Amino acid sequence: MKYEKSQAELELELREQIAALRASCLSYDQGNEWEAKRLATVISTLLHDSGRGQSRSLLGQTGRKDGIELSSSITREGMPARKRGWDSRCGLVVLTIESGQPAFRPKLHGEQWPQELPLPVLNFARWNSEEIFRGVYERPVTRPSLVYALRNQDGGAHVDRHLRDEGYTFWKKHGDAGIRFSDDDGVTALCLRAIHLQTGEREPIENFQRRTKPILHGPTAAMRQIAWEVDEALKAMGC
Protein backbone atom coordinates (compact mmCIF):
# COMPACT_ATOMS: atom_id res chain seq x y z
CA MET A 1 0.00 0.00 0.00
CA LYS A 2 1.35 3.43 -0.96
CA TYR A 3 1.79 6.07 1.70
CA GLU A 4 1.86 9.77 0.89
CA LYS A 5 4.00 11.87 3.19
CA SER A 6 2.43 14.94 4.72
CA GLN A 7 3.81 18.42 4.15
CA ALA A 8 5.14 18.40 7.72
CA GLU A 9 7.03 15.18 7.01
CA LEU A 10 8.52 16.64 3.83
CA GLU A 11 9.62 19.75 5.75
CA LEU A 12 11.37 17.49 8.27
CA GLU A 13 13.10 15.65 5.43
CA LEU A 14 14.23 19.01 4.04
CA ARG A 15 15.69 20.10 7.38
CA GLU A 16 17.58 16.81 7.65
CA GLN A 17 19.02 17.11 4.14
CA ILE A 18 20.15 20.69 4.77
CA ALA A 19 21.77 19.58 8.05
CA ALA A 20 23.55 16.80 6.13
CA LEU A 21 24.74 19.32 3.52
CA ARG A 22 26.24 21.62 6.15
CA ALA A 23 27.79 18.78 8.12
CA SER A 24 29.50 17.44 5.00
CA CYS A 25 30.72 20.93 4.05
CA LEU A 26 32.31 21.30 7.49
CA SER A 27 33.85 17.84 7.30
CA TYR A 28 35.27 18.57 3.82
CA ASP A 29 36.81 21.79 5.10
CA GLN A 30 38.43 19.79 7.91
CA GLY A 31 40.27 17.67 5.35
CA ASN A 32 37.84 14.89 4.42
CA GLU A 33 37.83 15.24 0.65
CA TRP A 34 35.59 12.17 0.21
CA GLU A 35 32.72 14.26 1.58
CA ALA A 36 32.38 15.66 -1.96
CA LYS A 37 30.62 12.40 -2.86
CA ARG A 38 28.09 12.82 -0.07
CA LEU A 39 27.60 16.47 -1.04
CA ALA A 40 26.70 15.32 -4.56
CA THR A 41 24.10 12.94 -3.13
CA VAL A 42 22.47 15.61 -0.95
CA ILE A 43 22.41 18.20 -3.74
CA SER A 44 20.84 15.68 -6.10
CA THR A 45 18.14 14.99 -3.51
CA LEU A 46 17.49 18.70 -2.98
CA LEU A 47 17.50 19.94 -6.58
CA HIS A 48 17.40 17.32 -9.28
CA ASP A 49 14.27 15.88 -10.91
CA SER A 50 14.44 12.71 -12.99
CA GLY A 51 13.80 13.13 -16.70
CA ARG A 52 10.77 10.84 -16.63
CA GLY A 53 9.17 12.47 -13.63
CA GLN A 54 9.57 9.39 -11.44
CA SER A 55 11.62 11.28 -8.88
CA ARG A 56 11.02 14.88 -7.79
CA SER A 57 13.50 17.10 -5.99
CA LEU A 58 12.84 17.80 -2.34
CA LEU A 59 12.89 21.55 -2.91
CA GLY A 60 10.31 20.99 -5.65
CA GLN A 61 8.09 18.90 -3.40
CA THR A 62 8.19 21.58 -0.70
CA GLY A 63 7.38 24.37 -3.19
CA ARG A 64 10.74 26.14 -3.08
CA LYS A 65 12.55 25.19 -6.27
CA ASP A 66 10.77 27.50 -8.74
CA GLY A 67 11.83 30.62 -6.85
CA ILE A 68 15.38 29.65 -5.94
CA GLU A 69 18.18 31.99 -7.05
CA LEU A 70 21.76 30.74 -7.01
CA SER A 71 25.04 32.60 -7.15
CA SER A 72 27.48 31.53 -9.86
CA SER A 73 31.12 31.49 -8.78
CA ILE A 74 32.39 31.08 -12.33
CA THR A 75 32.83 34.74 -13.28
CA ARG A 76 36.26 36.36 -12.91
CA GLU A 77 35.21 39.84 -14.02
CA GLY A 78 36.69 42.51 -11.79
CA MET A 79 38.62 40.05 -9.65
CA PRO A 80 42.06 41.41 -8.67
CA ALA A 81 44.91 39.38 -10.17
CA ARG A 82 46.46 38.95 -6.72
CA LYS A 83 43.28 37.16 -5.60
CA ARG A 84 42.93 34.80 -8.53
CA GLY A 85 45.52 32.16 -7.78
CA TRP A 86 46.52 30.44 -11.01
CA ASP A 87 43.53 30.31 -13.34
CA SER A 88 42.06 26.89 -13.99
CA ARG A 89 39.68 25.98 -16.78
CA CYS A 90 37.20 25.33 -13.98
CA GLY A 91 35.85 28.65 -12.77
CA LEU A 92 34.66 27.17 -9.47
CA VAL A 93 38.14 26.57 -8.09
CA VAL A 94 41.49 28.29 -7.73
CA LEU A 95 44.95 26.75 -7.70
CA THR A 96 46.99 27.55 -4.60
CA ILE A 97 50.42 26.61 -3.31
CA GLU A 98 50.35 25.00 0.12
CA SER A 99 53.53 23.79 1.83
CA GLY A 100 55.28 23.96 -1.52
CA GLN A 101 52.68 21.79 -3.25
CA PRO A 102 49.99 22.90 -5.72
CA ALA A 103 46.37 22.20 -4.77
CA PHE A 104 42.95 23.03 -6.15
CA ARG A 105 40.65 24.67 -3.62
CA PRO A 106 37.04 25.91 -3.79
CA LYS A 107 36.68 29.69 -4.05
CA LEU A 108 34.37 30.12 -1.04
CA HIS A 109 33.29 33.75 -1.09
CA GLY A 110 35.31 35.81 1.36
CA GLU A 111 38.26 33.41 1.37
CA GLN A 112 39.56 32.75 -2.14
CA TRP A 113 36.99 35.24 -3.51
CA PRO A 114 36.78 38.70 -1.88
CA GLN A 115 33.37 39.55 -0.42
CA GLU A 116 33.32 43.05 -1.88
CA LEU A 117 32.92 41.56 -5.38
CA PRO A 118 29.30 40.42 -5.88
CA LEU A 119 28.61 37.22 -7.75
CA PRO A 120 26.00 36.99 -10.53
CA VAL A 121 22.70 35.49 -9.39
CA LEU A 122 20.96 33.06 -11.76
CA ASN A 123 17.71 31.14 -11.83
CA PHE A 124 18.01 27.38 -11.45
CA ALA A 125 17.78 26.50 -15.15
CA ARG A 126 20.57 28.86 -16.17
CA TRP A 127 22.78 27.97 -13.18
CA ASN A 128 22.29 24.27 -13.83
CA SER A 129 23.27 24.51 -17.51
CA GLU A 130 26.52 26.45 -17.09
CA GLU A 131 29.69 24.78 -18.30
CA ILE A 132 32.11 24.47 -15.38
CA PHE A 133 35.03 22.61 -16.99
CA ARG A 134 36.23 21.54 -20.43
CA GLY A 135 39.13 19.14 -20.85
CA VAL A 136 41.19 18.64 -23.98
CA TYR A 137 39.16 16.85 -26.69
CA GLU A 138 36.45 16.00 -24.17
CA ARG A 139 32.90 17.16 -23.72
CA PRO A 140 32.23 19.86 -21.13
CA VAL A 141 31.27 19.21 -17.53
CA THR A 142 28.23 20.97 -16.05
CA ARG A 143 27.06 21.07 -12.45
CA PRO A 144 24.47 18.29 -12.96
CA SER A 145 26.91 16.07 -14.85
CA LEU A 146 29.46 16.43 -12.02
CA VAL A 147 26.78 15.69 -9.41
CA TYR A 148 25.60 12.67 -11.40
CA ALA A 149 29.10 11.23 -11.83
CA LEU A 150 30.00 11.59 -8.16
CA ARG A 151 26.63 10.35 -6.91
CA ASN A 152 25.67 7.61 -9.37
CA GLN A 153 29.03 6.24 -10.52
CA ASP A 154 31.88 7.26 -8.23
CA GLY A 155 30.80 6.52 -4.67
CA GLY A 156 28.08 8.91 -3.53
CA ALA A 157 25.19 6.44 -3.70
CA HIS A 158 26.66 3.82 -6.04
CA VAL A 159 30.03 2.66 -7.39
CA ASP A 160 30.39 1.61 -11.04
CA ARG A 161 33.42 -0.20 -12.38
CA HIS A 162 33.22 1.89 -15.55
CA LEU A 163 32.95 5.70 -15.49
CA ARG A 164 30.83 6.70 -18.49
CA ASP A 165 31.16 10.49 -18.41
CA GLU A 166 34.22 11.32 -20.54
CA GLY A 167 34.46 14.91 -19.36
CA TYR A 168 34.42 13.94 -15.67
CA THR A 169 36.80 11.02 -16.21
CA PHE A 170 39.35 13.21 -18.02
CA TRP A 171 39.16 15.84 -15.28
CA LYS A 172 39.53 13.27 -12.49
CA LYS A 173 42.45 11.37 -14.06
CA HIS A 174 44.33 14.15 -15.87
CA GLY A 175 43.36 17.37 -14.11
CA ASP A 176 43.54 20.59 -16.08
CA ALA A 177 45.82 19.59 -18.96
CA GLY A 178 47.19 23.13 -19.27
CA ILE A 179 48.30 23.44 -15.62
CA ARG A 180 50.74 20.84 -14.37
CA PHE A 181 53.70 20.72 -11.98
CA SER A 182 57.14 19.19 -11.63
CA ASP A 183 59.15 18.52 -8.51
CA ASP A 184 62.58 17.83 -10.01
CA ASP A 185 65.38 17.93 -7.45
CA GLY A 186 62.83 18.39 -4.68
CA VAL A 187 61.73 21.83 -5.93
CA THR A 188 58.09 22.22 -6.92
CA ALA A 189 57.51 24.22 -10.11
CA LEU A 190 54.23 25.06 -11.80
CA CYS A 191 54.04 24.86 -15.56
CA LEU A 192 51.21 26.67 -17.32
CA ARG A 193 50.60 25.54 -20.92
CA ALA A 194 54.29 24.70 -21.45
CA ILE A 195 55.61 27.87 -19.75
CA HIS A 196 57.65 27.38 -16.59
CA LEU A 197 56.08 29.89 -14.17
CA GLN A 198 59.20 30.35 -12.06
CA THR A 199 61.59 31.01 -14.97
CA GLY A 200 59.24 32.14 -17.75
CA GLU A 201 60.93 29.70 -20.13
CA ARG A 202 58.85 28.01 -22.83
CA GLU A 203 59.47 24.36 -23.63
CA PRO A 204 58.25 21.90 -26.28
CA ILE A 205 54.83 20.51 -25.43
CA GLU A 206 56.07 16.91 -25.54
CA ASN A 207 58.67 17.74 -22.85
CA PHE A 208 55.99 19.56 -20.88
CA GLN A 209 53.78 16.47 -20.78
CA ARG A 210 56.61 14.02 -20.12
CA ARG A 211 58.33 15.74 -17.23
CA THR A 212 55.31 17.18 -15.42
CA LYS A 213 52.48 15.73 -13.34
CA PRO A 214 48.79 16.55 -13.31
CA ILE A 215 47.26 18.47 -10.42
CA LEU A 216 44.29 16.38 -9.39
CA HIS A 217 41.22 16.73 -7.14
CA GLY A 218 39.63 19.56 -9.14
CA PRO A 219 36.22 17.79 -9.32
CA THR A 220 35.95 17.41 -5.55
CA ALA A 221 36.93 21.05 -4.95
CA ALA A 222 34.34 22.11 -7.52
CA MET A 223 31.71 19.98 -5.77
CA ARG A 224 32.45 21.76 -2.50
CA GLN A 225 32.02 25.13 -4.23
CA ILE A 226 28.70 24.02 -5.72
CA ALA A 227 27.60 23.06 -2.20
CA TRP A 228 28.55 26.57 -1.05
CA GLU A 229 26.43 28.10 -3.83
CA VAL A 230 23.45 25.93 -2.88
CA ASP A 231 23.82 26.61 0.85
CA GLU A 232 23.96 30.37 0.28
CA ALA A 233 20.73 30.14 -1.75
CA LEU A 234 19.07 28.12 1.02
CA LYS A 235 20.10 30.68 3.64
CA ALA A 236 18.66 33.48 1.50
CA MET A 237 15.36 31.56 1.47
CA GLY A 238 15.39 31.28 5.25
CA CYS A 239 16.28 27.58 5.32
C-alpha atoms as a PDB file:
ATOM      1  CA  MET A   1       0.000   0.000   0.000  1.00  0.00           C
ATOM      2  CA  LYS A   2       1.349   3.428  -0.959  1.00  0.00           C
ATOM      3  CA  TYR A   3       1.792   6.066   1.700  1.00  0.00           C
ATOM      4  CA  GLU A   4       1.858   9.769   0.888  1.00  0.00           C
ATOM      5  CA  LYS A   5       3.997  11.869   3.195  1.00  0.00           C
ATOM      6  CA  SER A   6       2.425  14.937   4.725  1.00  0.00           C
ATOM      7  CA  GLN A   7       3.810  18.423   4.148  1.00  0.00           C
ATOM      8  CA  ALA A   8       5.140  18.400   7.716  1.00  0.00           C
ATOM      9  CA  GLU A   9       7.035  15.184   7.012  1.00  0.00           C
ATOM     10  CA  LEU A  10       8.522  16.640   3.827  1.00  0.00           C
ATOM     11  CA  GLU A  11       9.616  19.748   5.745  1.00  0.00           C
ATOM     12  CA  LEU A  12      11.373  17.492   8.269  1.00  0.00           C
ATOM     13  CA  GLU A  13      13.104  15.654   5.427  1.00  0.00           C
ATOM     14  CA  LEU A  14      14.232  19.015   4.044  1.00  0.00           C
ATOM     15  CA  ARG A  15      15.694  20.100   7.382  1.00  0.00           C
ATOM     16  CA  GLU A  16      17.578  16.809   7.652  1.00  0.00           C
ATOM     17  CA  GLN A  17      19.016  17.115   4.142  1.00  0.00           C
ATOM     18  CA  ILE A  18      20.148  20.693   4.774  1.00  0.00           C
ATOM     19  CA  ALA A  19      21.766  19.581   8.045  1.00  0.00           C
ATOM     20  CA  ALA A  20      23.555  16.800   6.128  1.00  0.00           C
ATOM     21  CA  LEU A  21      24.737  19.317   3.518  1.00  0.00           C
ATOM     22  CA  ARG A  22      26.235  21.616   6.147  1.00  0.00           C
ATOM     23  CA  ALA A  23      27.794  18.777   8.123  1.00  0.00           C
ATOM     24  CA  SER A  24      29.499  17.436   5.001  1.00  0.00           C
ATOM     25  CA  CYS A  25      30.722  20.931   4.047  1.00  0.00           C
ATOM     26  CA  LEU A  26      32.307  21.304   7.488  1.00  0.00           C
ATOM     27  CA  SER A  27      33.850  17.836   7.299  1.00  0.00           C
ATOM     28  CA  TYR A  28      35.268  18.568   3.816  1.00  0.00           C
ATOM     29  CA  ASP A  29      36.810  21.788   5.098  1.00  0.00           C
ATOM     30  CA  GLN A  30      38.434  19.794   7.906  1.00  0.00           C
ATOM     31  CA  GLY A  31      40.273  17.667   5.353  1.00  0.00           C
ATOM     32  CA  ASN A  32      37.842  14.886   4.420  1.00  0.00           C
ATOM     33  CA  GLU A  33      37.834  15.239   0.648  1.00  0.00           C
ATOM     34  CA  TRP A  34      35.591  12.173   0.207  1.00  0.00           C
ATOM     35  CA  GLU A  35      32.724  14.265   1.582  1.00  0.00           C
ATOM     36  CA  ALA A  36      32.378  15.659  -1.959  1.00  0.00           C
ATOM     37  CA  LYS A  37      30.615  12.401  -2.861  1.00  0.00           C
ATOM     38  CA  ARG A  38      28.091  12.823  -0.069  1.00  0.00           C
ATOM     39  CA  LEU A  39      27.603  16.469  -1.038  1.00  0.00           C
ATOM     40  CA  ALA A  40      26.698  15.320  -4.558  1.00  0.00           C
ATOM     41  CA  THR A  41      24.097  12.942  -3.132  1.00  0.00           C
ATOM     42  CA  VAL A  42      22.473  15.609  -0.954  1.00  0.00           C
ATOM     43  CA  ILE A  43      22.408  18.196  -3.744  1.00  0.00           C
ATOM     44  CA  SER A  44      20.839  15.680  -6.103  1.00  0.00           C
ATOM     45  CA  THR A  45      18.137  14.991  -3.507  1.00  0.00           C
ATOM     46  CA  LEU A  46      17.493  18.702  -2.982  1.00  0.00           C
ATOM     47  CA  LEU A  47      17.497  19.944  -6.575  1.00  0.00           C
ATOM     48  CA  HIS A  48      17.397  17.321  -9.277  1.00  0.00           C
ATOM     49  CA  ASP A  49      14.268  15.881 -10.912  1.00  0.00           C
ATOM     50  CA  SER A  50      14.436  12.712 -12.987  1.00  0.00           C
ATOM     51  CA  GLY A  51      13.798  13.129 -16.704  1.00  0.00           C
ATOM     52  CA  ARG A  52      10.773  10.837 -16.629  1.00  0.00           C
ATOM     53  CA  GLY A  53       9.169  12.475 -13.628  1.00  0.00           C
ATOM     54  CA  GLN A  54       9.571   9.392 -11.445  1.00  0.00           C
ATOM     55  CA  SER A  55      11.618  11.283  -8.882  1.00  0.00           C
ATOM     56  CA  ARG A  56      11.020  14.883  -7.792  1.00  0.00           C
ATOM     57  CA  SER A  57      13.505  17.101  -5.994  1.00  0.00           C
ATOM     58  CA  LEU A  58      12.844  17.798  -2.340  1.00  0.00           C
ATOM     59  CA  LEU A  59      12.887  21.547  -2.911  1.00  0.00           C
ATOM     60  CA  GLY A  60      10.313  20.993  -5.653  1.00  0.00           C
ATOM     61  CA  GLN A  61       8.090  18.902  -3.401  1.00  0.00           C
ATOM     62  CA  THR A  62       8.187  21.585  -0.704  1.00  0.00           C
ATOM     63  CA  GLY A  63       7.383  24.365  -3.192  1.00  0.00           C
ATOM     64  CA  ARG A  64      10.743  26.138  -3.084  1.00  0.00           C
ATOM     65  CA  LYS A  65      12.550  25.187  -6.273  1.00  0.00           C
ATOM     66  CA  ASP A  66      10.765  27.498  -8.736  1.00  0.00           C
ATOM     67  CA  GLY A  67      11.828  30.623  -6.854  1.00  0.00           C
ATOM     68  CA  ILE A  68      15.378  29.646  -5.940  1.00  0.00           C
ATOM     69  CA  GLU A  69      18.177  31.988  -7.047  1.00  0.00           C
ATOM     70  CA  LEU A  70      21.760  30.737  -7.012  1.00  0.00           C
ATOM     71  CA  SER A  71      25.037  32.603  -7.148  1.00  0.00           C
ATOM     72  CA  SER A  72      27.476  31.531  -9.858  1.00  0.00           C
ATOM     73  CA  SER A  73      31.118  31.491  -8.784  1.00  0.00           C
ATOM     74  CA  ILE A  74      32.386  31.076 -12.334  1.00  0.00           C
ATOM     75  CA  THR A  75      32.834  34.736 -13.282  1.00  0.00           C
ATOM     76  CA  ARG A  76      36.264  36.364 -12.911  1.00  0.00           C
ATOM     77  CA  GLU A  77      35.207  39.837 -14.024  1.00  0.00           C
ATOM     78  CA  GLY A  78      36.688  42.510 -11.786  1.00  0.00           C
ATOM     79  CA  MET A  79      38.622  40.047  -9.655  1.00  0.00           C
ATOM     80  CA  PRO A  80      42.061  41.411  -8.669  1.00  0.00           C
ATOM     81  CA  ALA A  81      44.906  39.378 -10.170  1.00  0.00           C
ATOM     82  CA  ARG A  82      46.459  38.951  -6.722  1.00  0.00           C
ATOM     83  CA  LYS A  83      43.278  37.156  -5.595  1.00  0.00           C
ATOM     84  CA  ARG A  84      42.928  34.804  -8.525  1.00  0.00           C
ATOM     85  CA  GLY A  85      45.522  32.164  -7.776  1.00  0.00           C
ATOM     86  CA  TRP A  86      46.517  30.440 -11.007  1.00  0.00           C
ATOM     87  CA  ASP A  87      43.527  30.314 -13.338  1.00  0.00           C
ATOM     88  CA  SER A  88      42.060  26.890 -13.993  1.00  0.00           C
ATOM     89  CA  ARG A  89      39.680  25.981 -16.785  1.00  0.00           C
ATOM     90  CA  CYS A  90      37.204  25.331 -13.981  1.00  0.00           C
ATOM     91  CA  GLY A  91      35.852  28.653 -12.774  1.00  0.00           C
ATOM     92  CA  LEU A  92      34.660  27.174  -9.473  1.00  0.00           C
ATOM     93  CA  VAL A  93      38.142  26.575  -8.090  1.00  0.00           C
ATOM     94  CA  VAL A  94      41.493  28.285  -7.730  1.00  0.00           C
ATOM     95  CA  LEU A  95      44.947  26.753  -7.697  1.00  0.00           C
ATOM     96  CA  THR A  96      46.985  27.549  -4.604  1.00  0.00           C
ATOM     97  CA  ILE A  97      50.424  26.611  -3.314  1.00  0.00           C
ATOM     98  CA  GLU A  98      50.353  25.005   0.122  1.00  0.00           C
ATOM     99  CA  SER A  99      53.531  23.791   1.828  1.00  0.00           C
ATOM    100  CA  GLY A 100      55.281  23.963  -1.522  1.00  0.00           C
ATOM    101  CA  GLN A 101      52.681  21.792  -3.248  1.00  0.00           C
ATOM    102  CA  PRO A 102      49.987  22.896  -5.721  1.00  0.00           C
ATOM    103  CA  ALA A 103      46.374  22.196  -4.772  1.00  0.00           C
ATOM    104  CA  PHE A 104      42.953  23.032  -6.151  1.00  0.00           C
ATOM    105  CA  ARG A 105      40.652  24.671  -3.618  1.00  0.00           C
ATOM    106  CA  PRO A 106      37.037  25.907  -3.792  1.00  0.00           C
ATOM    107  CA  LYS A 107      36.682  29.685  -4.054  1.00  0.00           C
ATOM    108  CA  LEU A 108      34.371  30.120  -1.038  1.00  0.00           C
ATOM    109  CA  HIS A 109      33.285  33.752  -1.093  1.00  0.00           C
ATOM    110  CA  GLY A 110      35.308  35.811   1.356  1.00  0.00           C
ATOM    111  CA  GLU A 111      38.261  33.409   1.373  1.00  0.00           C
ATOM    112  CA  GLN A 112      39.560  32.753  -2.137  1.00  0.00           C
ATOM    113  CA  TRP A 113      36.989  35.238  -3.513  1.00  0.00           C
ATOM    114  CA  PRO A 114      36.778  38.704  -1.877  1.00  0.00           C
ATOM    115  CA  GLN A 115      33.374  39.546  -0.419  1.00  0.00           C
ATOM    116  CA  GLU A 116      33.322  43.053  -1.883  1.00  0.00           C
ATOM    117  CA  LEU A 117      32.917  41.561  -5.383  1.00  0.00           C
ATOM    118  CA  PRO A 118      29.298  40.425  -5.881  1.00  0.00           C
ATOM    119  CA  LEU A 119      28.612  37.219  -7.754  1.00  0.00           C
ATOM    120  CA  PRO A 120      26.001  36.994 -10.527  1.00  0.00           C
ATOM    121  CA  VAL A 121      22.698  35.485  -9.387  1.00  0.00           C
ATOM    122  CA  LEU A 122      20.959  33.061 -11.759  1.00  0.00           C
ATOM    123  CA  ASN A 123      17.708  31.138 -11.830  1.00  0.00           C
ATOM    124  CA  PHE A 124      18.010  27.382 -11.449  1.00  0.00           C
ATOM    125  CA  ALA A 125      17.782  26.496 -15.155  1.00  0.00           C
ATOM    126  CA  ARG A 126      20.573  28.864 -16.165  1.00  0.00           C
ATOM    127  CA  TRP A 127      22.777  27.973 -13.175  1.00  0.00           C
ATOM    128  CA  ASN A 128      22.295  24.266 -13.832  1.00  0.00           C
ATOM    129  CA  SER A 129      23.272  24.506 -17.511  1.00  0.00           C
ATOM    130  CA  GLU A 130      26.520  26.454 -17.089  1.00  0.00           C
ATOM    131  CA  GLU A 131      29.694  24.780 -18.301  1.00  0.00           C
ATOM    132  CA  ILE A 132      32.111  24.471 -15.383  1.00  0.00           C
ATOM    133  CA  PHE A 133      35.034  22.605 -16.994  1.00  0.00           C
ATOM    134  CA  ARG A 134      36.226  21.540 -20.433  1.00  0.00           C
ATOM    135  CA  GLY A 135      39.127  19.145 -20.846  1.00  0.00           C
ATOM    136  CA  VAL A 136      41.191  18.638 -23.975  1.00  0.00           C
ATOM    137  CA  TYR A 137      39.158  16.853 -26.689  1.00  0.00           C
ATOM    138  CA  GLU A 138      36.454  16.005 -24.169  1.00  0.00           C
ATOM    139  CA  ARG A 139      32.900  17.158 -23.715  1.00  0.00           C
ATOM    140  CA  PRO A 140      32.230  19.858 -21.128  1.00  0.00           C
ATOM    141  CA  VAL A 141      31.273  19.208 -17.530  1.00  0.00           C
ATOM    142  CA  THR A 142      28.234  20.972 -16.045  1.00  0.00           C
ATOM    143  CA  ARG A 143      27.058  21.071 -12.452  1.00  0.00           C
ATOM    144  CA  PRO A 144      24.467  18.290 -12.962  1.00  0.00           C
ATOM    145  CA  SER A 145      26.911  16.067 -14.847  1.00  0.00           C
ATOM    146  CA  LEU A 146      29.460  16.429 -12.024  1.00  0.00           C
ATOM    147  CA  VAL A 147      26.780  15.689  -9.411  1.00  0.00           C
ATOM    148  CA  TYR A 148      25.600  12.665 -11.396  1.00  0.00           C
ATOM    149  CA  ALA A 149      29.100  11.232 -11.834  1.00  0.00           C
ATOM    150  CA  LEU A 150      29.999  11.589  -8.160  1.00  0.00           C
ATOM    151  CA  ARG A 151      26.628  10.354  -6.914  1.00  0.00           C
ATOM    152  CA  ASN A 152      25.670   7.606  -9.374  1.00  0.00           C
ATOM    153  CA  GLN A 153      29.032   6.238 -10.520  1.00  0.00           C
ATOM    154  CA  ASP A 154      31.875   7.261  -8.226  1.00  0.00           C
ATOM    155  CA  GLY A 155      30.802   6.523  -4.669  1.00  0.00           C
ATOM    156  CA  GLY A 156      28.083   8.906  -3.530  1.00  0.00           C
ATOM    157  CA  ALA A 157      25.193   6.436  -3.699  1.00  0.00           C
ATOM    158  CA  HIS A 158      26.659   3.816  -6.044  1.00  0.00           C
ATOM    159  CA  VAL A 159      30.030   2.656  -7.394  1.00  0.00           C
ATOM    160  CA  ASP A 160      30.389   1.614 -11.041  1.00  0.00           C
ATOM    161  CA  ARG A 161      33.423  -0.203 -12.383  1.00  0.00           C
ATOM    162  CA  HIS A 162      33.217   1.893 -15.547  1.00  0.00           C
ATOM    163  CA  LEU A 163      32.947   5.698 -15.490  1.00  0.00           C
ATOM    164  CA  ARG A 164      30.834   6.703 -18.487  1.00  0.00           C
ATOM    165  CA  ASP A 165      31.160  10.491 -18.410  1.00  0.00           C
ATOM    166  CA  GLU A 166      34.216  11.318 -20.543  1.00  0.00           C
ATOM    167  CA  GLY A 167      34.459  14.907 -19.356  1.00  0.00           C
ATOM    168  CA  TYR A 168      34.416  13.945 -15.674  1.00  0.00           C
ATOM    169  CA  THR A 169      36.803  11.025 -16.208  1.00  0.00           C
ATOM    170  CA  PHE A 170      39.346  13.208 -18.021  1.00  0.00           C
ATOM    171  CA  TRP A 171      39.156  15.836 -15.281  1.00  0.00           C
ATOM    172  CA  LYS A 172      39.534  13.272 -12.493  1.00  0.00           C
ATOM    173  CA  LYS A 173      42.445  11.367 -14.064  1.00  0.00           C
ATOM    174  CA  HIS A 174      44.332  14.149 -15.868  1.00  0.00           C
ATOM    175  CA  GLY A 175      43.358  17.367 -14.107  1.00  0.00           C
ATOM    176  CA  ASP A 176      43.543  20.589 -16.080  1.00  0.00           C
ATOM    177  CA  ALA A 177      45.815  19.588 -18.960  1.00  0.00           C
ATOM    178  CA  GLY A 178      47.186  23.126 -19.269  1.00  0.00           C
ATOM    179  CA  ILE A 179      48.297  23.443 -15.621  1.00  0.00           C
ATOM    180  CA  ARG A 180      50.742  20.843 -14.368  1.00  0.00           C
ATOM    181  CA  PHE A 181      53.696  20.725 -11.984  1.00  0.00           C
ATOM    182  CA  SER A 182      57.136  19.195 -11.629  1.00  0.00           C
ATOM    183  CA  ASP A 183      59.154  18.515  -8.509  1.00  0.00           C
ATOM    184  CA  ASP A 184      62.575  17.829 -10.005  1.00  0.00           C
ATOM    185  CA  ASP A 185      65.376  17.934  -7.446  1.00  0.00           C
ATOM    186  CA  GLY A 186      62.834  18.387  -4.678  1.00  0.00           C
ATOM    187  CA  VAL A 187      61.730  21.827  -5.933  1.00  0.00           C
ATOM    188  CA  THR A 188      58.090  22.217  -6.919  1.00  0.00           C
ATOM    189  CA  ALA A 189      57.506  24.217 -10.106  1.00  0.00           C
ATOM    190  CA  LEU A 190      54.227  25.065 -11.796  1.00  0.00           C
ATOM    191  CA  CYS A 191      54.041  24.859 -15.565  1.00  0.00           C
ATOM    192  CA  LEU A 192      51.214  26.670 -17.322  1.00  0.00           C
ATOM    193  CA  ARG A 193      50.599  25.536 -20.924  1.00  0.00           C
ATOM    194  CA  ALA A 194      54.289  24.697 -21.454  1.00  0.00           C
ATOM    195  CA  ILE A 195      55.605  27.868 -19.746  1.00  0.00           C
ATOM    196  CA  HIS A 196      57.647  27.384 -16.595  1.00  0.00           C
ATOM    197  CA  LEU A 197      56.085  29.894 -14.174  1.00  0.00           C
ATOM    198  CA  GLN A 198      59.204  30.352 -12.059  1.00  0.00           C
ATOM    199  CA  THR A 199      61.595  31.011 -14.970  1.00  0.00           C
ATOM    200  CA  GLY A 200      59.238  32.139 -17.750  1.00  0.00           C
ATOM    201  CA  GLU A 201      60.927  29.703 -20.133  1.00  0.00           C
ATOM    202  CA  ARG A 202      58.854  28.007 -22.831  1.00  0.00           C
ATOM    203  CA  GLU A 203      59.474  24.361 -23.632  1.00  0.00           C
ATOM    204  CA  PRO A 204      58.247  21.897 -26.280  1.00  0.00           C
ATOM    205  CA  ILE A 205      54.829  20.512 -25.433  1.00  0.00           C
ATOM    206  CA  GLU A 206      56.075  16.913 -25.536  1.00  0.00           C
ATOM    207  CA  ASN A 207      58.670  17.742 -22.854  1.00  0.00           C
ATOM    208  CA  PHE A 208      55.991  19.557 -20.878  1.00  0.00           C
ATOM    209  CA  GLN A 209      53.776  16.468 -20.776  1.00  0.00           C
ATOM    210  CA  ARG A 210      56.608  14.020 -20.124  1.00  0.00           C
ATOM    211  CA  ARG A 211      58.326  15.743 -17.228  1.00  0.00           C
ATOM    212  CA  THR A 212      55.312  17.180 -15.417  1.00  0.00           C
ATOM    213  CA  LYS A 213      52.485  15.732 -13.339  1.00  0.00           C
ATOM    214  CA  PRO A 214      48.791  16.554 -13.313  1.00  0.00           C
ATOM    215  CA  ILE A 215      47.258  18.473 -10.421  1.00  0.00           C
ATOM    216  CA  LEU A 216      44.288  16.375  -9.387  1.00  0.00           C
ATOM    217  CA  HIS A 217      41.216  16.725  -7.139  1.00  0.00           C
ATOM    218  CA  GLY A 218      39.628  19.558  -9.141  1.00  0.00           C
ATOM    219  CA  PRO A 219      36.225  17.794  -9.322  1.00  0.00           C
ATOM    220  CA  THR A 220      35.950  17.413  -5.546  1.00  0.00           C
ATOM    221  CA  ALA A 221      36.934  21.047  -4.947  1.00  0.00           C
ATOM    222  CA  ALA A 222      34.338  22.109  -7.524  1.00  0.00           C
ATOM    223  CA  MET A 223      31.713  19.983  -5.768  1.00  0.00           C
ATOM    224  CA  ARG A 224      32.452  21.765  -2.496  1.00  0.00           C
ATOM    225  CA  GLN A 225      32.021  25.130  -4.230  1.00  0.00           C
ATOM    226  CA  ILE A 226      28.696  24.022  -5.718  1.00  0.00           C
ATOM    227  CA  ALA A 227      27.600  23.058  -2.204  1.00  0.00           C
ATOM    228  CA  TRP A 228      28.551  26.569  -1.049  1.00  0.00           C
ATOM    229  CA  GLU A 229      26.429  28.103  -3.826  1.00  0.00           C
ATOM    230  CA  VAL A 230      23.451  25.932  -2.877  1.00  0.00           C
ATOM    231  CA  ASP A 231      23.822  26.613   0.847  1.00  0.00           C
ATOM    232  CA  GLU A 232      23.958  30.370   0.281  1.00  0.00           C
ATOM    233  CA  ALA A 233      20.735  30.142  -1.746  1.00  0.00           C
ATOM    234  CA  LEU A 234      19.075  28.117   1.022  1.00  0.00           C
ATOM    235  CA  LYS A 235      20.103  30.685   3.640  1.00  0.00           C
ATOM    236  CA  ALA A 236      18.664  33.477   1.499  1.00  0.00           C
ATOM    237  CA  MET A 237      15.364  31.562   1.473  1.00  0.00           C
ATOM    238  CA  GLY A 238      15.388  31.278   5.248  1.00  0.00           C
ATOM    239  CA  CYS A 239      16.280  27.578   5.325  1.00  0.00           C
END
